[in-house]
Amino acid sequence: MKTLFLLITLINSLLITACTSSVNHADLTEQALQKDRRTRDIIIKDREIENEAYSELNGDPDLRNQSHFTINTYNGATLVTGEASSEALKAKIIAKIQVIDHVKVVHDNLAIATPSDFEGRANDQAITENVTMALKQIRSLPDFDPAMIKVVTENGVVYLMGLVHREEGTVVINVTKLQPGIQEIITVFEYLD
């Protein structure tokens, strides 16, 4: 029963991700822009980087069938997580991403391993949701909005992305540490001070 629940949760999250992964600039409302320190143009470029990366990688049958990858971009910094079944496939994934326009830096966190299963991905999704909910409880930081933090979880490792002040980053890390199931926290913050 637990496996069925996790499978349904994963499928639901994948469908949501698939529906939101197309480049849609109409959802960039003024309210959303106020919660983000990136400009509208940079947000659009970040989305375009992610979409181009997925298009390139999924267009290659070897990569699509022998690896699991997640691409997240924030202010041009592109985080690549997941698993590749060989060093050659990993290198191919990173090489395809490095040449995409507007990618400033690639954070390569791909593991050489068998692609994760649905249960592991559902567990990662649950961790991401827990961290995101916990960040919404932060009230002690002026001008902080949890929407400024992109949370990505892969194999129990939580990656935190965003444009933050050092004090904000410290609080976000400390709140994240309190969440269950986390193996490690890796920050991909760009500090403003």
N, C-alpha and C. Protein backbone atom coordinates (compact mmCIF):
# COMPACT_ATOMS: atom_id res chain seq x y z
N MET A 1 0.82 -1.19 0.00
CA MET A 1 0.00 0.00 0.00
C MET A 1 0.87 1.26 0.00
N LYS A 2 1.94 1.23 0.82
CA LYS A 2 2.84 2.39 0.87
C LYS A 2 3.48 2.62 -0.49
N THR A 3 3.88 1.53 -1.16
CA THR A 3 4.50 1.65 -2.47
C THR A 3 3.51 2.24 -3.47
N LEU A 4 2.25 1.82 -3.39
CA LEU A 4 1.23 2.35 -4.29
C LEU A 4 1.05 3.85 -4.05
N PHE A 5 1.00 4.26 -2.79
CA PHE A 5 0.87 5.69 -2.46
C PHE A 5 2.06 6.47 -3.01
N LEU A 6 3.26 5.95 -2.80
CA LEU A 6 4.46 6.64 -3.30
C LEU A 6 4.45 6.71 -4.82
N LEU A 7 4.00 5.64 -5.47
CA LEU A 7 3.93 5.64 -6.92
C LEU A 7 2.93 6.68 -7.43
N ILE A 8 1.78 6.75 -6.79
CA ILE A 8 0.78 7.74 -7.19
C ILE A 8 1.31 9.15 -6.96
N THR A 9 1.98 9.37 -5.83
CA THR A 9 2.56 10.69 -5.53
C THR A 9 3.60 11.06 -6.59
N LEU A 10 4.46 10.12 -6.95
CA LEU A 10 5.49 10.39 -7.95
C LEU A 10 4.87 10.70 -9.31
N ILE A 11 3.91 9.91 -9.72
CA ILE A 11 3.27 10.13 -11.02
C ILE A 11 2.61 11.50 -11.04
N ASN A 12 1.95 11.85 -9.94
CA ASN A 12 1.31 13.16 -9.85
C ASN A 12 2.35 14.27 -9.97
N SER A 13 3.47 14.14 -9.27
CA SER A 13 4.49 15.19 -9.32
C SER A 13 5.12 15.26 -10.71
N LEU A 14 5.30 14.12 -11.37
CA LEU A 14 5.85 14.13 -12.72
C LEU A 14 4.90 14.79 -13.70
N LEU A 15 3.60 14.52 -13.54
CA LEU A 15 2.62 15.17 -14.41
C LEU A 15 2.60 16.67 -14.19
N ILE A 16 2.68 17.09 -12.94
CA ILE A 16 2.71 18.53 -12.65
C ILE A 16 3.96 19.14 -13.26
N THR A 17 5.12 18.48 -13.09
CA THR A 17 6.36 18.98 -13.65
C THR A 17 6.27 19.05 -15.17
N ALA A 18 5.72 18.03 -15.78
CA ALA A 18 5.60 18.01 -17.24
C ALA A 18 4.70 19.14 -17.72
N CYS A 19 3.64 19.41 -16.99
CA CYS A 19 2.73 20.47 -17.40
C CYS A 19 3.35 21.85 -17.23
N THR A 20 4.24 21.99 -16.28
CA THR A 20 4.83 23.31 -16.05
C THR A 20 6.18 23.48 -16.71
N SER A 21 6.68 22.44 -17.36
CA SER A 21 8.03 22.55 -17.91
C SER A 21 8.08 23.28 -19.25
N SER A 22 6.94 23.43 -19.93
CA SER A 22 6.99 24.18 -21.17
C SER A 22 7.22 25.65 -20.85
N VAL A 23 7.88 26.33 -21.78
CA VAL A 23 8.19 27.74 -21.54
C VAL A 23 6.88 28.51 -21.61
N ASN A 24 6.42 28.99 -20.45
CA ASN A 24 5.19 29.74 -20.36
C ASN A 24 5.50 31.02 -19.62
N HIS A 25 5.52 32.12 -20.35
CA HIS A 25 5.88 33.40 -19.75
C HIS A 25 4.67 34.12 -19.19
N ALA A 26 3.47 33.65 -19.50
CA ALA A 26 2.26 34.31 -19.04
C ALA A 26 2.09 34.19 -17.53
N ASP A 27 2.66 33.15 -16.94
CA ASP A 27 2.50 32.96 -15.50
C ASP A 27 3.46 33.82 -14.68
N LEU A 28 4.25 34.65 -15.33
CA LEU A 28 5.15 35.56 -14.61
C LEU A 28 4.40 36.84 -14.25
N THR A 29 3.58 36.73 -13.24
CA THR A 29 2.80 37.87 -12.80
C THR A 29 3.68 38.83 -12.02
N GLU A 30 3.18 40.02 -11.85
CA GLU A 30 3.91 41.01 -11.06
C GLU A 30 4.11 40.52 -9.63
N GLN A 31 3.10 39.83 -9.09
CA GLN A 31 3.23 39.30 -7.73
C GLN A 31 4.35 38.26 -7.65
N ALA A 32 4.44 37.39 -8.66
CA ALA A 32 5.51 36.39 -8.68
C ALA A 32 6.87 37.06 -8.80
N LEU A 33 6.94 38.11 -9.61
CA LEU A 33 8.21 38.81 -9.79
C LEU A 33 8.65 39.52 -8.51
N GLN A 34 7.71 39.99 -7.71
CA GLN A 34 8.05 40.65 -6.45
C GLN A 34 8.67 39.67 -5.46
N LYS A 35 8.37 38.38 -5.61
CA LYS A 35 8.89 37.37 -4.70
C LYS A 35 10.22 36.80 -5.16
N ASP A 36 10.70 37.27 -6.28
CA ASP A 36 11.93 36.73 -6.85
C ASP A 36 12.93 37.86 -7.04
N ARG A 37 14.18 37.63 -6.76
CA ARG A 37 15.20 38.65 -6.92
C ARG A 37 15.77 38.68 -8.34
N ARG A 38 15.37 37.74 -9.15
CA ARG A 38 15.78 37.75 -10.55
C ARG A 38 14.84 38.64 -11.34
N THR A 39 15.35 39.16 -12.45
CA THR A 39 14.50 39.95 -13.33
C THR A 39 13.64 39.00 -14.17
N ARG A 40 12.61 39.57 -14.77
CA ARG A 40 11.74 38.79 -15.65
C ARG A 40 12.57 38.11 -16.74
N ASP A 41 13.49 38.85 -17.36
CA ASP A 41 14.30 38.29 -18.44
C ASP A 41 15.16 37.12 -17.95
N ILE A 42 15.71 37.23 -16.78
CA ILE A 42 16.55 36.14 -16.26
C ILE A 42 15.71 34.92 -15.92
N ILE A 43 14.53 35.14 -15.35
CA ILE A 43 13.64 34.01 -15.07
C ILE A 43 13.30 33.29 -16.37
N ILE A 44 12.99 34.05 -17.40
CA ILE A 44 12.66 33.45 -18.70
C ILE A 44 13.86 32.69 -19.25
N LYS A 45 15.05 33.27 -19.17
CA LYS A 45 16.26 32.58 -19.65
C LYS A 45 16.50 31.29 -18.87
N ASP A 46 16.29 31.33 -17.55
CA ASP A 46 16.47 30.13 -16.72
C ASP A 46 15.51 29.02 -17.17
N ARG A 47 14.27 29.38 -17.42
CA ARG A 47 13.29 28.39 -17.89
C ARG A 47 13.68 27.85 -19.26
N GLU A 48 14.14 28.74 -20.11
CA GLU A 48 14.56 28.30 -21.45
C GLU A 48 15.75 27.35 -21.38
N ILE A 49 16.69 27.62 -20.48
CA ILE A 49 17.83 26.72 -20.30
C ILE A 49 17.34 25.34 -19.90
N GLU A 50 16.46 25.28 -18.90
CA GLU A 50 15.93 23.99 -18.43
C GLU A 50 15.21 23.26 -19.56
N ASN A 51 14.35 23.97 -20.29
CA ASN A 51 13.61 23.32 -21.37
C ASN A 51 14.51 22.83 -22.49
N GLU A 52 15.50 23.64 -22.85
CA GLU A 52 16.43 23.21 -23.90
C GLU A 52 17.24 21.99 -23.45
N ALA A 53 17.65 22.01 -22.18
CA ALA A 53 18.42 20.87 -21.65
C ALA A 53 17.59 19.59 -21.70
N TYR A 54 16.35 19.66 -21.23
CA TYR A 54 15.50 18.47 -21.27
C TYR A 54 15.25 18.01 -22.70
N SER A 55 15.04 18.95 -23.60
CA SER A 55 14.82 18.60 -25.00
C SER A 55 16.03 17.89 -25.59
N GLU A 56 17.21 18.46 -25.36
CA GLU A 56 18.45 17.85 -25.86
C GLU A 56 18.68 16.46 -25.27
N LEU A 57 18.54 16.37 -23.95
CA LEU A 57 18.86 15.11 -23.28
C LEU A 57 17.83 14.03 -23.58
N ASN A 58 16.55 14.39 -23.58
CA ASN A 58 15.51 13.39 -23.87
C ASN A 58 15.49 13.01 -25.34
N GLY A 59 16.08 13.83 -26.20
CA GLY A 59 16.18 13.50 -27.62
C GLY A 59 17.23 12.45 -27.92
N ASP A 60 18.05 12.13 -26.93
CA ASP A 60 19.10 11.12 -27.10
C ASP A 60 18.62 9.83 -26.42
N PRO A 61 18.29 8.78 -27.20
CA PRO A 61 17.74 7.55 -26.61
C PRO A 61 18.64 6.91 -25.54
N ASP A 62 19.96 6.97 -25.73
CA ASP A 62 20.87 6.39 -24.74
C ASP A 62 20.73 7.11 -23.40
N LEU A 63 20.70 8.42 -23.44
CA LEU A 63 20.58 9.20 -22.21
C LEU A 63 19.21 8.99 -21.57
N ARG A 64 18.19 9.01 -22.38
CA ARG A 64 16.82 8.87 -21.89
C ARG A 64 16.61 7.49 -21.24
N ASN A 65 17.20 6.45 -21.81
CA ASN A 65 16.94 5.09 -21.33
C ASN A 65 17.92 4.59 -20.27
N GLN A 66 19.10 5.21 -20.17
CA GLN A 66 20.12 4.69 -19.26
C GLN A 66 20.51 5.66 -18.17
N SER A 67 19.70 6.71 -17.98
CA SER A 67 20.01 7.68 -16.94
C SER A 67 18.73 8.33 -16.44
N HIS A 68 18.88 9.00 -15.33
CA HIS A 68 17.80 9.83 -14.77
C HIS A 68 18.44 11.15 -14.41
N PHE A 69 17.94 12.23 -14.97
CA PHE A 69 18.55 13.53 -14.72
C PHE A 69 17.47 14.55 -14.40
N THR A 70 17.87 15.50 -13.57
CA THR A 70 17.02 16.62 -13.23
C THR A 70 17.84 17.88 -13.45
N ILE A 71 17.26 18.83 -14.15
CA ILE A 71 17.95 20.07 -14.49
C ILE A 71 17.22 21.23 -13.82
N ASN A 72 17.93 22.01 -13.04
CA ASN A 72 17.37 23.20 -12.40
C ASN A 72 18.33 24.35 -12.60
N THR A 73 17.79 25.47 -13.05
CA THR A 73 18.62 26.65 -13.30
C THR A 73 18.10 27.83 -12.49
N TYR A 74 19.02 28.54 -11.86
CA TYR A 74 18.67 29.74 -11.10
C TYR A 74 19.74 30.78 -11.37
N ASN A 75 19.36 31.85 -12.01
CA ASN A 75 20.28 32.94 -12.35
C ASN A 75 21.45 32.46 -13.21
N GLY A 76 21.18 31.53 -14.10
CA GLY A 76 22.19 31.02 -15.02
C GLY A 76 23.03 29.87 -14.47
N ALA A 77 22.95 29.64 -13.15
CA ALA A 77 23.66 28.50 -12.54
C ALA A 77 22.78 27.27 -12.72
N THR A 78 23.32 26.25 -13.39
CA THR A 78 22.53 25.07 -13.73
C THR A 78 23.00 23.88 -12.90
N LEU A 79 22.06 23.36 -12.13
CA LEU A 79 22.31 22.20 -11.26
C LEU A 79 21.83 20.95 -11.98
N VAL A 80 22.72 19.98 -12.12
CA VAL A 80 22.39 18.71 -12.76
C VAL A 80 22.50 17.63 -11.71
N THR A 81 21.37 16.98 -11.43
CA THR A 81 21.34 15.89 -10.45
C THR A 81 20.76 14.65 -11.10
N GLY A 82 20.93 13.53 -10.44
CA GLY A 82 20.40 12.27 -10.94
C GLY A 82 21.48 11.22 -11.03
N GLU A 83 21.25 10.26 -11.92
CA GLU A 83 22.17 9.15 -12.07
C GLU A 83 22.40 8.85 -13.55
N ALA A 84 23.63 8.56 -13.87
CA ALA A 84 24.00 8.08 -15.20
C ALA A 84 24.64 6.71 -15.01
N SER A 85 24.35 5.80 -15.89
CA SER A 85 24.84 4.43 -15.70
C SER A 85 26.31 4.24 -16.04
N SER A 86 26.94 5.27 -16.64
CA SER A 86 28.37 5.17 -16.93
C SER A 86 29.00 6.56 -16.93
N GLU A 87 30.30 6.59 -16.81
CA GLU A 87 31.03 7.86 -16.86
C GLU A 87 30.86 8.52 -18.23
N ALA A 88 30.81 7.73 -19.29
CA ALA A 88 30.64 8.28 -20.63
C ALA A 88 29.29 8.98 -20.78
N LEU A 89 28.23 8.38 -20.24
CA LEU A 89 26.91 9.01 -20.31
C LEU A 89 26.88 10.28 -19.47
N LYS A 90 27.51 10.24 -18.32
CA LYS A 90 27.57 11.44 -17.47
C LYS A 90 28.27 12.57 -18.22
N ALA A 91 29.39 12.27 -18.83
CA ALA A 91 30.14 13.30 -19.57
C ALA A 91 29.31 13.85 -20.73
N LYS A 92 28.56 12.98 -21.38
CA LYS A 92 27.71 13.40 -22.50
C LYS A 92 26.61 14.35 -22.02
N ILE A 93 26.00 14.05 -20.88
CA ILE A 93 24.96 14.91 -20.31
C ILE A 93 25.53 16.29 -20.00
N ILE A 94 26.65 16.31 -19.29
CA ILE A 94 27.25 17.60 -18.90
C ILE A 94 27.68 18.39 -20.13
N ALA A 95 28.26 17.72 -21.11
CA ALA A 95 28.71 18.41 -22.33
C ALA A 95 27.54 19.06 -23.06
N LYS A 96 26.40 18.39 -23.12
CA LYS A 96 25.23 18.96 -23.80
C LYS A 96 24.71 20.20 -23.07
N ILE A 97 24.81 20.20 -21.76
CA ILE A 97 24.30 21.33 -20.98
C ILE A 97 25.26 22.51 -21.03
N GLN A 98 26.55 22.24 -21.02
CA GLN A 98 27.54 23.32 -21.00
C GLN A 98 27.45 24.24 -22.21
N VAL A 99 26.96 23.75 -23.32
CA VAL A 99 26.93 24.57 -24.54
C VAL A 99 25.62 25.32 -24.75
N ILE A 100 24.69 25.18 -23.82
CA ILE A 100 23.41 25.89 -23.93
C ILE A 100 23.64 27.37 -23.63
N ASP A 101 23.06 28.23 -24.46
CA ASP A 101 23.19 29.68 -24.27
C ASP A 101 22.72 30.09 -22.88
N HIS A 102 23.45 31.03 -22.28
CA HIS A 102 23.14 31.68 -21.01
C HIS A 102 23.44 30.82 -19.78
N VAL A 103 24.01 29.63 -19.95
CA VAL A 103 24.44 28.84 -18.79
C VAL A 103 25.74 29.45 -18.30
N LYS A 104 25.74 29.94 -17.06
CA LYS A 104 26.94 30.56 -16.49
C LYS A 104 27.89 29.51 -15.92
N VAL A 105 27.32 28.55 -15.21
CA VAL A 105 28.11 27.51 -14.57
C VAL A 105 27.24 26.27 -14.44
N VAL A 106 27.87 25.09 -14.56
CA VAL A 106 27.16 23.83 -14.39
C VAL A 106 27.64 23.19 -13.09
N HIS A 107 26.70 22.95 -12.20
CA HIS A 107 27.00 22.23 -10.95
C HIS A 107 26.67 20.76 -11.22
N ASP A 108 27.71 19.97 -11.42
CA ASP A 108 27.57 18.56 -11.79
C ASP A 108 27.44 17.72 -10.52
N ASN A 109 26.23 17.27 -10.23
CA ASN A 109 25.98 16.40 -9.10
C ASN A 109 25.35 15.08 -9.56
N LEU A 110 25.71 14.67 -10.76
CA LEU A 110 25.26 13.38 -11.28
C LEU A 110 26.08 12.27 -10.65
N ALA A 111 25.42 11.23 -10.22
CA ALA A 111 26.11 10.06 -9.68
C ALA A 111 26.22 9.00 -10.77
N ILE A 112 27.30 8.23 -10.71
CA ILE A 112 27.42 7.07 -11.60
C ILE A 112 26.73 5.93 -10.86
N ALA A 113 25.52 5.63 -11.29
CA ALA A 113 24.71 4.62 -10.61
C ALA A 113 23.53 4.24 -11.50
N THR A 114 22.87 3.19 -11.11
CA THR A 114 21.63 2.79 -11.77
C THR A 114 20.59 3.87 -11.50
N PRO A 115 19.81 4.26 -12.50
CA PRO A 115 18.80 5.29 -12.27
C PRO A 115 17.88 4.93 -11.10
N SER A 116 17.53 5.94 -10.32
CA SER A 116 16.70 5.73 -9.13
C SER A 116 15.32 5.21 -9.54
N ASP A 117 14.67 4.55 -8.58
CA ASP A 117 13.35 3.98 -8.84
C ASP A 117 12.25 4.96 -8.42
N PHE A 118 11.02 4.60 -8.71
CA PHE A 118 9.88 5.46 -8.40
C PHE A 118 9.74 5.73 -6.91
N GLU A 119 9.99 4.73 -6.09
CA GLU A 119 9.87 4.92 -4.64
C GLU A 119 10.88 5.94 -4.14
N GLY A 120 12.11 5.85 -4.62
CA GLY A 120 13.13 6.81 -4.22
C GLY A 120 12.79 8.22 -4.67
N ARG A 121 12.26 8.34 -5.87
CA ARG A 121 11.89 9.67 -6.39
C ARG A 121 10.70 10.25 -5.63
N ALA A 122 9.76 9.38 -5.26
CA ALA A 122 8.61 9.85 -4.47
C ALA A 122 9.08 10.31 -3.10
N ASN A 123 10.03 9.60 -2.51
CA ASN A 123 10.59 10.00 -1.22
C ASN A 123 11.28 11.36 -1.35
N ASP A 124 12.03 11.55 -2.42
CA ASP A 124 12.69 12.84 -2.65
C ASP A 124 11.66 13.96 -2.79
N GLN A 125 10.57 13.68 -3.49
CA GLN A 125 9.51 14.68 -3.66
C GLN A 125 8.91 15.06 -2.31
N ALA A 126 8.71 14.06 -1.45
CA ALA A 126 8.16 14.33 -0.11
C ALA A 126 9.12 15.19 0.71
N ILE A 127 10.41 14.92 0.62
CA ILE A 127 11.40 15.74 1.33
C ILE A 127 11.36 17.17 0.82
N THR A 128 11.32 17.34 -0.49
CA THR A 128 11.25 18.69 -1.08
C THR A 128 10.03 19.43 -0.56
N GLU A 129 8.89 18.77 -0.53
CA GLU A 129 7.66 19.41 -0.05
C GLU A 129 7.78 19.78 1.42
N ASN A 130 8.39 18.91 2.24
CA ASN A 130 8.58 19.22 3.67
C ASN A 130 9.47 20.44 3.86
N VAL A 131 10.56 20.50 3.11
CA VAL A 131 11.48 21.63 3.23
C VAL A 131 10.78 22.91 2.77
N THR A 132 10.08 22.84 1.65
CA THR A 132 9.37 24.02 1.14
C THR A 132 8.36 24.53 2.16
N MET A 133 7.61 23.63 2.79
CA MET A 133 6.64 24.03 3.81
C MET A 133 7.34 24.64 5.02
N ALA A 134 8.46 24.07 5.42
CA ALA A 134 9.20 24.61 6.56
C ALA A 134 9.73 26.01 6.27
N LEU A 135 10.18 26.25 5.04
CA LEU A 135 10.69 27.57 4.68
C LEU A 135 9.59 28.63 4.73
N LYS A 136 8.35 28.22 4.50
CA LYS A 136 7.23 29.15 4.57
C LYS A 136 6.96 29.63 5.99
N GLN A 137 7.55 28.94 6.96
CA GLN A 137 7.34 29.32 8.36
C GLN A 137 8.35 30.36 8.84
N ILE A 138 9.34 30.67 8.03
CA ILE A 138 10.36 31.66 8.42
C ILE A 138 9.71 33.04 8.44
N ARG A 139 9.76 33.66 9.62
CA ARG A 139 9.17 35.00 9.78
C ARG A 139 10.19 36.02 10.30
N SER A 140 11.39 35.55 10.64
CA SER A 140 12.37 36.41 11.31
C SER A 140 13.25 37.23 10.37
N LEU A 141 13.12 37.02 9.06
CA LEU A 141 13.99 37.71 8.11
C LEU A 141 13.22 38.75 7.31
N PRO A 142 13.65 40.02 7.40
CA PRO A 142 12.97 41.04 6.60
C PRO A 142 13.25 40.83 5.11
N ASP A 143 12.26 41.10 4.29
CA ASP A 143 12.38 40.99 2.83
C ASP A 143 12.65 39.58 2.33
N PHE A 144 12.42 38.57 3.17
CA PHE A 144 12.63 37.19 2.75
C PHE A 144 11.31 36.58 2.35
N ASP A 145 11.31 35.92 1.20
CA ASP A 145 10.15 35.17 0.76
C ASP A 145 10.65 33.78 0.39
N PRO A 146 10.03 32.74 0.92
CA PRO A 146 10.51 31.38 0.62
C PRO A 146 10.47 31.03 -0.87
N ALA A 147 9.68 31.77 -1.63
CA ALA A 147 9.62 31.52 -3.07
C ALA A 147 10.95 31.85 -3.74
N MET A 148 11.83 32.56 -3.04
CA MET A 148 13.15 32.90 -3.60
C MET A 148 14.11 31.71 -3.55
N ILE A 149 13.72 30.66 -2.84
CA ILE A 149 14.58 29.49 -2.68
C ILE A 149 14.03 28.35 -3.54
N LYS A 150 14.89 27.82 -4.38
CA LYS A 150 14.53 26.63 -5.17
C LYS A 150 15.09 25.43 -4.42
N VAL A 151 14.22 24.48 -4.08
CA VAL A 151 14.60 23.28 -3.34
C VAL A 151 14.54 22.09 -4.29
N VAL A 152 15.63 21.35 -4.35
CA VAL A 152 15.72 20.17 -5.20
C VAL A 152 16.24 19.02 -4.33
N THR A 153 15.62 17.87 -4.40
CA THR A 153 16.09 16.72 -3.63
C THR A 153 16.36 15.56 -4.57
N GLU A 154 17.51 14.94 -4.39
CA GLU A 154 17.92 13.79 -5.20
C GLU A 154 18.60 12.79 -4.30
N ASN A 155 18.02 11.60 -4.17
CA ASN A 155 18.58 10.53 -3.33
C ASN A 155 18.81 11.00 -1.89
N GLY A 156 17.88 11.78 -1.37
CA GLY A 156 17.96 12.26 0.01
C GLY A 156 18.87 13.46 0.21
N VAL A 157 19.53 13.91 -0.83
CA VAL A 157 20.40 15.09 -0.76
C VAL A 157 19.57 16.29 -1.18
N VAL A 158 19.52 17.31 -0.31
CA VAL A 158 18.75 18.51 -0.60
C VAL A 158 19.69 19.59 -1.12
N TYR A 159 19.34 20.14 -2.27
CA TYR A 159 20.09 21.24 -2.88
C TYR A 159 19.24 22.50 -2.72
N LEU A 160 19.88 23.57 -2.27
CA LEU A 160 19.19 24.84 -2.08
C LEU A 160 19.79 25.87 -3.03
N MET A 161 18.94 26.46 -3.86
CA MET A 161 19.40 27.44 -4.85
C MET A 161 18.70 28.77 -4.60
N GLY A 162 19.37 29.87 -4.92
CA GLY A 162 18.73 31.17 -4.84
C GLY A 162 19.72 32.30 -4.69
N LEU A 163 19.21 33.51 -4.83
CA LEU A 163 19.98 34.72 -4.59
C LEU A 163 19.63 35.16 -3.18
N VAL A 164 20.58 35.02 -2.24
CA VAL A 164 20.28 35.30 -0.84
C VAL A 164 21.38 36.12 -0.18
N HIS A 165 21.00 36.76 0.91
CA HIS A 165 21.99 37.37 1.80
C HIS A 165 22.51 36.26 2.70
N ARG A 166 23.71 36.42 3.22
CA ARG A 166 24.32 35.36 4.05
C ARG A 166 23.45 34.98 5.24
N GLU A 167 22.85 35.96 5.90
CA GLU A 167 21.99 35.67 7.05
C GLU A 167 20.80 34.81 6.62
N GLU A 168 20.22 35.14 5.47
CA GLU A 168 19.10 34.35 4.95
C GLU A 168 19.54 32.92 4.67
N GLY A 169 20.70 32.78 4.03
CA GLY A 169 21.22 31.45 3.72
C GLY A 169 21.41 30.61 4.96
N THR A 170 21.94 31.23 6.02
CA THR A 170 22.16 30.50 7.27
C THR A 170 20.84 30.04 7.87
N VAL A 171 19.85 30.91 7.89
CA VAL A 171 18.55 30.54 8.45
C VAL A 171 17.92 29.43 7.61
N VAL A 172 17.97 29.55 6.30
CA VAL A 172 17.40 28.53 5.42
C VAL A 172 18.07 27.17 5.66
N ILE A 173 19.38 27.16 5.77
CA ILE A 173 20.10 25.91 6.03
C ILE A 173 19.68 25.32 7.36
N ASN A 174 19.61 26.16 8.40
CA ASN A 174 19.24 25.67 9.73
C ASN A 174 17.82 25.12 9.78
N VAL A 175 16.89 25.75 9.09
CA VAL A 175 15.52 25.25 9.03
C VAL A 175 15.48 23.93 8.25
N THR A 176 16.23 23.86 7.17
CA THR A 176 16.26 22.65 6.35
C THR A 176 16.83 21.47 7.13
N LYS A 177 17.84 21.69 7.94
CA LYS A 177 18.47 20.63 8.73
C LYS A 177 17.48 19.92 9.64
N LEU A 178 16.43 20.61 10.03
CA LEU A 178 15.45 20.05 10.97
C LEU A 178 14.47 19.09 10.32
N GLN A 179 14.47 19.01 9.01
CA GLN A 179 13.49 18.17 8.31
C GLN A 179 13.95 16.72 8.26
N PRO A 180 13.01 15.78 8.37
CA PRO A 180 13.38 14.35 8.40
C PRO A 180 13.78 13.82 7.03
N GLY A 181 14.60 12.78 7.04
CA GLY A 181 14.95 12.04 5.84
C GLY A 181 16.07 12.61 5.01
N ILE A 182 16.64 13.73 5.43
CA ILE A 182 17.68 14.38 4.63
C ILE A 182 19.04 13.73 4.92
N GLN A 183 19.73 13.32 3.86
CA GLN A 183 21.06 12.72 4.00
C GLN A 183 22.15 13.79 4.06
N GLU A 184 21.95 14.87 3.28
CA GLU A 184 22.96 15.92 3.17
C GLU A 184 22.29 17.16 2.60
N ILE A 185 22.88 18.33 2.88
CA ILE A 185 22.40 19.58 2.31
C ILE A 185 23.56 20.20 1.53
N ILE A 186 23.29 20.57 0.29
CA ILE A 186 24.29 21.23 -0.54
C ILE A 186 23.70 22.56 -1.00
N THR A 187 24.41 23.64 -0.74
CA THR A 187 23.92 24.95 -1.15
C THR A 187 24.53 25.33 -2.49
N VAL A 188 23.67 25.89 -3.32
CA VAL A 188 24.08 26.43 -4.60
C VAL A 188 23.63 27.89 -4.62
N PHE A 189 23.80 28.53 -3.46
CA PHE A 189 23.38 29.91 -3.32
C PHE A 189 24.34 30.85 -4.04
N GLU A 190 23.79 31.95 -4.51
CA GLU A 190 24.58 33.07 -4.98
C GLU A 190 24.35 34.16 -3.94
N TYR A 191 25.41 34.53 -3.23
CA TYR A 191 25.26 35.48 -2.13
C TYR A 191 25.29 36.90 -2.63
N LEU A 192 24.41 37.72 -2.05
CA LEU A 192 24.30 39.12 -2.42
C LEU A 192 25.21 40.01 -1.59
N ASP A 193 25.77 39.46 -0.50
CA ASP A 193 26.68 40.25 0.34
C ASP A 193 27.87 39.41 0.77
